[in-house]
């Protein structure tokens, strides 16, 4: 290694440290990693290995949305496959990391745009996306079904959802119309239900909800999305079904355009 390249590497290490802490362990082009000692392991690379086979290798011409993009691991992965990506997050620290990482990979803003935006702001964003990633966000939201209704209107192809869940994979068939005297059925293990976290989970006050698997699938259907496969733990791939309850008037009242 030359003196010049050694100096550049040291300067790069200074930038990495200045942008810490990192939640995404990015594998940078020069071989460095942003969070090599991540408590979850090589995160989120192992999640991407589960998701990636369900997306085209060549994504040129595909519009993609990454909700809660964090340091940009998934946004970068989509852009490197050729997709035109919009990555959104509300945390300026994560967006600074993602902007820096985008430059390290030589991806321009025309292919990967990073915007400060919360999920509810999508209600005022025109257009739809061929692929929407909604990973690690739902359970952090005070209003998860509202958010899912907003997100569903942006999906013109596939939605890939990942959320913290309650233990158990049972899914019970539910009736079209539940009678009042049948409410005991809600206690069945596979009934769609969601636990409310009043205080903290893992010392994080933004962890609000833990739905069970049946609830995740039911919420998706309620928002007009059909679950089609589960490529990994707590991950669901869904597509537009057109069977959404009519919530348009309610959404317009909340988000006037």
Protein backbone atom coordinates (compact mmCIF):
# COMPACT_ATOMS: atom_id res chain seq x y z
CA UNK A 1 0.00 0.00 0.00
CA UNK A 2 1.39 3.40 -0.95
CA UNK A 3 1.68 6.32 1.44
CA UNK A 4 -1.10 8.07 -0.47
CA UNK A 5 -3.49 5.11 -0.29
CA UNK A 6 -2.65 4.62 3.39
CA UNK A 7 -3.56 8.24 4.05
CA UNK A 8 -6.84 7.86 2.15
CA UNK A 9 -7.72 4.74 4.17
CA UNK A 10 -7.00 6.54 7.44
CA UNK A 11 -9.14 9.47 6.35
CA UNK A 12 -11.91 7.01 5.47
CA UNK A 13 -11.65 5.41 8.91
CA UNK A 14 -12.02 8.85 10.47
CA UNK A 15 -15.22 9.37 8.48
CA UNK A 16 -16.55 5.97 9.56
CA UNK A 17 -15.94 6.81 13.20
CA UNK A 18 -17.43 10.29 12.81
CA UNK A 19 -20.64 8.74 11.44
CA UNK A 20 -20.90 6.11 14.20
CA UNK A 21 -22.87 4.44 15.66
CA UNK A 22 -23.94 2.28 12.73
CA UNK A 23 -26.94 -0.06 12.83
CA UNK A 24 -26.40 -1.37 9.30
CA UNK A 25 -23.20 -3.29 8.70
CA UNK A 26 -22.34 -2.13 5.20
CA UNK A 27 -19.65 -4.01 3.27
CA UNK A 28 -17.86 -1.11 1.59
CA UNK A 29 -16.13 -1.44 -1.79
CA UNK A 30 -12.69 -1.15 -0.16
CA UNK A 31 -13.38 -4.13 2.13
CA UNK A 32 -14.17 -2.22 5.31
CA UNK A 33 -17.37 -2.85 7.26
CA UNK A 34 -19.34 -0.23 9.14
CA UNK A 35 -20.49 -2.47 12.03
CA UNK A 36 -18.42 -5.67 11.96
CA UNK A 37 -19.21 -6.41 15.63
CA UNK A 38 -22.99 -6.03 15.27
CA UNK A 39 -24.83 -7.89 18.08
CA UNK A 40 -27.18 -9.47 15.51
CA UNK A 41 -24.30 -10.73 13.38
CA UNK A 42 -23.83 -9.58 9.78
CA UNK A 43 -26.97 -7.45 9.82
CA UNK A 44 -28.82 -6.85 7.59
CA UNK A 45 -26.89 -8.93 5.06
CA UNK A 46 -28.43 -12.18 6.34
CA UNK A 47 -31.92 -10.67 5.94
CA UNK A 48 -31.09 -9.56 2.40
CA UNK A 49 -30.00 -13.12 1.55
CA UNK A 50 -33.55 -14.24 2.37
CA UNK A 51 -35.22 -11.40 0.46
CA UNK A 52 -32.97 -11.14 -2.61
CA UNK A 53 -34.13 -14.33 -4.40
CA UNK A 54 -37.67 -12.90 -4.56
CA UNK A 55 -36.52 -9.89 -6.59
CA UNK A 56 -35.13 -9.76 -10.13
CA UNK A 57 -31.36 -9.78 -10.52
CA UNK A 58 -31.72 -7.11 -13.21
CA UNK A 59 -33.93 -4.33 -11.82
CA UNK A 60 -33.30 -1.74 -14.52
CA UNK A 61 -36.53 0.17 -15.14
CA UNK A 62 -37.90 -0.77 -11.69
CA UNK A 63 -38.99 1.96 -9.26
CA UNK A 64 -38.33 1.00 -5.66
CA UNK A 65 -39.17 2.56 -2.31
CA UNK A 66 -37.23 1.77 0.87
CA UNK A 67 -39.20 2.95 3.94
CA UNK A 68 -37.00 3.53 6.97
CA UNK A 69 -33.84 3.15 4.90
CA UNK A 70 -31.46 3.64 7.86
CA UNK A 71 -27.84 3.68 6.57
CA UNK A 72 -29.04 2.48 3.18
CA UNK A 73 -28.09 -1.20 3.01
CA UNK A 74 -31.25 -2.25 1.17
CA UNK A 75 -31.45 0.93 -0.92
CA UNK A 76 -27.88 0.37 -2.09
CA UNK A 77 -28.58 -3.29 -2.83
CA UNK A 78 -31.56 -2.35 -5.00
CA UNK A 79 -29.65 0.42 -6.77
CA UNK A 80 -26.75 -1.92 -7.47
CA UNK A 81 -29.23 -4.20 -9.26
CA UNK A 82 -30.20 -1.23 -11.43
CA UNK A 83 -33.39 -0.03 -9.71
CA UNK A 84 -34.29 3.64 -9.35
CA UNK A 85 -34.64 3.97 -5.58
CA UNK A 86 -36.21 6.40 -3.14
CA UNK A 87 -34.96 5.83 0.40
CA UNK A 88 -36.78 7.64 3.20
CA UNK A 89 -36.07 8.00 6.90
CA UNK A 90 -36.86 10.48 9.67
CA UNK A 91 -33.49 10.21 11.42
CA UNK A 92 -30.92 12.71 10.08
CA UNK A 93 -28.07 10.60 11.49
CA UNK A 94 -29.08 7.61 9.35
CA UNK A 95 -29.58 9.78 6.29
CA UNK A 96 -26.07 11.22 6.67
CA UNK A 97 -24.73 7.67 6.83
CA UNK A 98 -26.71 6.66 3.75
CA UNK A 99 -25.54 9.71 1.78
CA UNK A 100 -21.92 8.93 2.65
CA UNK A 101 -22.35 5.27 1.75
CA UNK A 102 -23.99 6.16 -1.56
CA UNK A 103 -20.89 8.12 -2.50
CA UNK A 104 -18.60 5.24 -1.47
CA UNK A 105 -20.43 2.96 -3.92
CA UNK A 106 -20.34 5.56 -6.70
CA UNK A 107 -24.13 5.67 -7.06
CA UNK A 108 -25.53 9.03 -8.12
CA UNK A 109 -28.55 10.86 -6.71
CA UNK A 110 -30.51 10.23 -9.90
CA UNK A 111 -30.53 6.52 -9.13
CA UNK A 112 -30.74 6.68 -5.33
CA UNK A 113 -32.53 9.63 -3.77
CA UNK A 114 -32.48 9.93 0.02
CA UNK A 115 -35.21 12.04 1.58
CA UNK A 116 -36.21 13.00 5.11
CA UNK A 117 -39.78 11.75 5.29
CA UNK A 118 -41.95 9.75 7.64
CA UNK A 119 -44.19 6.93 6.46
CA UNK A 120 -47.40 8.98 6.78
CA UNK A 121 -45.96 11.62 4.42
CA UNK A 122 -46.24 9.05 1.62
CA UNK A 123 -49.97 9.82 1.50
CA UNK A 124 -49.07 13.12 -0.20
CA UNK A 125 -46.46 11.61 -2.53
CA UNK A 126 -47.69 11.07 -6.08
CA UNK A 127 -47.02 7.90 -7.98
CA UNK A 128 -46.49 4.27 -7.10
CA UNK A 129 -43.55 1.86 -6.93
CA UNK A 130 -42.90 -1.56 -8.40
CA UNK A 131 -41.16 -2.73 -5.22
CA UNK A 132 -41.70 -1.38 -1.71
CA UNK A 133 -39.53 -2.43 1.23
CA UNK A 134 -41.15 -1.86 4.62
CA UNK A 135 -38.60 -3.48 6.90
CA UNK A 136 -38.20 -3.03 10.63
CA UNK A 137 -40.61 -0.09 10.83
CA UNK A 138 -44.19 -1.21 11.48
CA UNK A 139 -43.76 -2.06 15.17
CA UNK A 140 -42.14 1.34 15.83
CA UNK A 141 -45.30 3.19 14.74
CA UNK A 142 -48.09 4.40 16.99
CA UNK A 143 -50.60 3.91 14.16
CA UNK A 144 -49.55 0.76 12.32
CA UNK A 145 -52.72 0.03 10.36
CA UNK A 146 -52.97 3.63 9.21
CA UNK A 147 -49.37 3.41 8.04
CA UNK A 148 -50.06 0.15 6.21
CA UNK A 149 -53.07 1.72 4.45
CA UNK A 150 -50.85 4.62 3.35
CA UNK A 151 -48.08 2.30 2.19
CA UNK A 152 -50.46 0.02 0.29
CA UNK A 153 -51.45 2.91 -1.98
CA UNK A 154 -47.81 3.19 -3.08
CA UNK A 155 -47.52 -0.50 -4.04
CA UNK A 156 -47.86 -1.30 -7.73
CA UNK A 157 -46.12 -4.65 -7.53
CA UNK A 158 -44.55 -6.24 -4.48
CA UNK A 159 -44.40 -5.21 -0.84
CA UNK A 160 -41.80 -6.86 1.37
CA UNK A 161 -42.67 -6.42 5.03
CA UNK A 162 -40.62 -7.29 8.10
CA UNK A 163 -41.85 -6.64 11.62
CA UNK A 164 -41.26 -7.75 15.18
CA UNK A 165 -43.88 -10.37 16.06
CA UNK A 166 -45.31 -12.25 19.01
CA UNK A 167 -44.18 -15.88 19.42
CA UNK A 168 -46.22 -18.49 17.55
CA UNK A 169 -47.01 -19.21 13.90
CA UNK A 170 -50.59 -20.48 14.26
CA UNK A 171 -53.12 -19.02 11.82
CA UNK A 172 -56.81 -19.73 12.45
CA UNK A 173 -59.53 -19.20 9.81
CA UNK A 174 -61.76 -16.33 10.87
CA UNK A 175 -65.46 -15.94 10.03
CA UNK A 176 -66.80 -13.29 7.69
CA UNK A 177 -68.95 -11.95 10.52
CA UNK A 178 -68.11 -12.67 14.15
CA UNK A 179 -71.07 -12.68 16.54
CA UNK A 180 -70.86 -10.96 19.91
CA UNK A 181 -71.41 -14.24 21.70
CA UNK A 182 -68.47 -15.76 19.77
CA UNK A 183 -65.84 -13.39 21.13
CA UNK A 184 -64.18 -16.24 23.01
CA UNK A 185 -62.75 -17.26 19.64
CA UNK A 186 -60.44 -14.26 19.85
CA UNK A 187 -58.54 -16.12 22.58
CA UNK A 188 -57.51 -18.89 20.17
CA UNK A 189 -53.71 -18.92 19.57
CA UNK A 190 -54.13 -18.35 15.83
CA UNK A 191 -56.62 -15.48 16.04
CA UNK A 192 -55.17 -12.25 14.60
CA UNK A 193 -53.99 -10.18 17.56
CA UNK A 194 -51.37 -7.62 18.42
CA UNK A 195 -49.68 -7.03 21.76
CA UNK A 196 -49.29 -3.41 22.87
CA UNK A 197 -45.97 -2.51 24.50
CA UNK A 198 -46.85 0.25 26.93
CA UNK A 199 -43.35 1.00 28.13
CA UNK A 200 -40.15 -0.40 26.60
CA UNK A 201 -38.92 -3.49 24.79
CA UNK A 202 -35.13 -4.01 24.80
CA UNK A 203 -34.87 -0.54 26.37
CA UNK A 204 -36.42 1.04 23.24
CA UNK A 205 -39.43 3.29 23.89
CA UNK A 206 -40.36 3.27 20.18
CA UNK A 207 -41.21 -0.44 20.19
CA UNK A 208 -45.02 -0.17 20.38
CA UNK A 209 -46.52 -3.33 18.90
CA UNK A 210 -45.91 -7.05 18.43
CA UNK A 211 -48.51 -8.65 16.13
CA UNK A 212 -48.75 -12.40 15.76
CA UNK A 213 -48.29 -13.97 12.35
CA UNK A 214 -52.05 -14.21 11.81
CA UNK A 215 -52.40 -10.51 12.54
CA UNK A 216 -49.63 -9.53 10.11
CA UNK A 217 -51.35 -11.46 7.32
CA UNK A 218 -54.80 -10.12 8.27
CA UNK A 219 -53.56 -6.52 8.33
CA UNK A 220 -52.01 -6.95 4.90
CA UNK A 221 -55.28 -8.31 3.50
CA UNK A 222 -57.21 -5.48 5.14
CA UNK A 223 -54.91 -3.00 3.37
CA UNK A 224 -55.52 -4.62 -0.02
CA UNK A 225 -52.38 -6.75 -0.12
CA UNK A 226 -52.21 -10.52 -0.55
CA UNK A 227 -49.47 -12.39 1.35
CA UNK A 228 -47.81 -14.78 -1.09
CA UNK A 229 -44.74 -16.15 0.71
CA UNK A 230 -42.57 -15.84 3.80
CA UNK A 231 -38.88 -16.06 2.84
CA UNK A 232 -37.62 -15.81 6.41
CA UNK A 233 -38.52 -15.26 10.05
CA UNK A 234 -40.94 -12.31 10.41
CA UNK A 235 -40.72 -11.48 6.68
CA UNK A 236 -43.73 -11.51 4.33
CA UNK A 237 -43.84 -10.86 0.59
CA UNK A 238 -47.21 -9.52 -0.58
CA UNK A 239 -48.76 -8.16 -3.76
CA UNK A 240 -51.74 -5.99 -4.64
CA UNK A 241 -55.04 -7.85 -4.33
CA UNK A 242 -57.59 -5.08 -4.89
CA UNK A 243 -59.66 -6.35 -1.95
CA UNK A 244 -58.98 -3.44 0.38
CA UNK A 245 -61.80 -2.04 2.46
CA UNK A 246 -62.71 1.43 1.26
CA UNK A 247 -60.65 3.67 3.51
CA UNK A 248 -60.14 6.43 0.93
CA UNK A 249 -62.50 8.92 2.58
CA UNK A 250 -60.83 8.44 5.96
CA UNK A 251 -57.37 8.83 4.49
CA UNK A 252 -58.41 12.01 2.64
CA UNK A 253 -59.75 13.43 5.92
CA UNK A 254 -56.45 12.74 7.66
CA UNK A 255 -54.19 13.71 4.76
CA UNK A 256 -55.94 16.41 2.69
CA UNK A 257 -54.15 17.04 -0.59
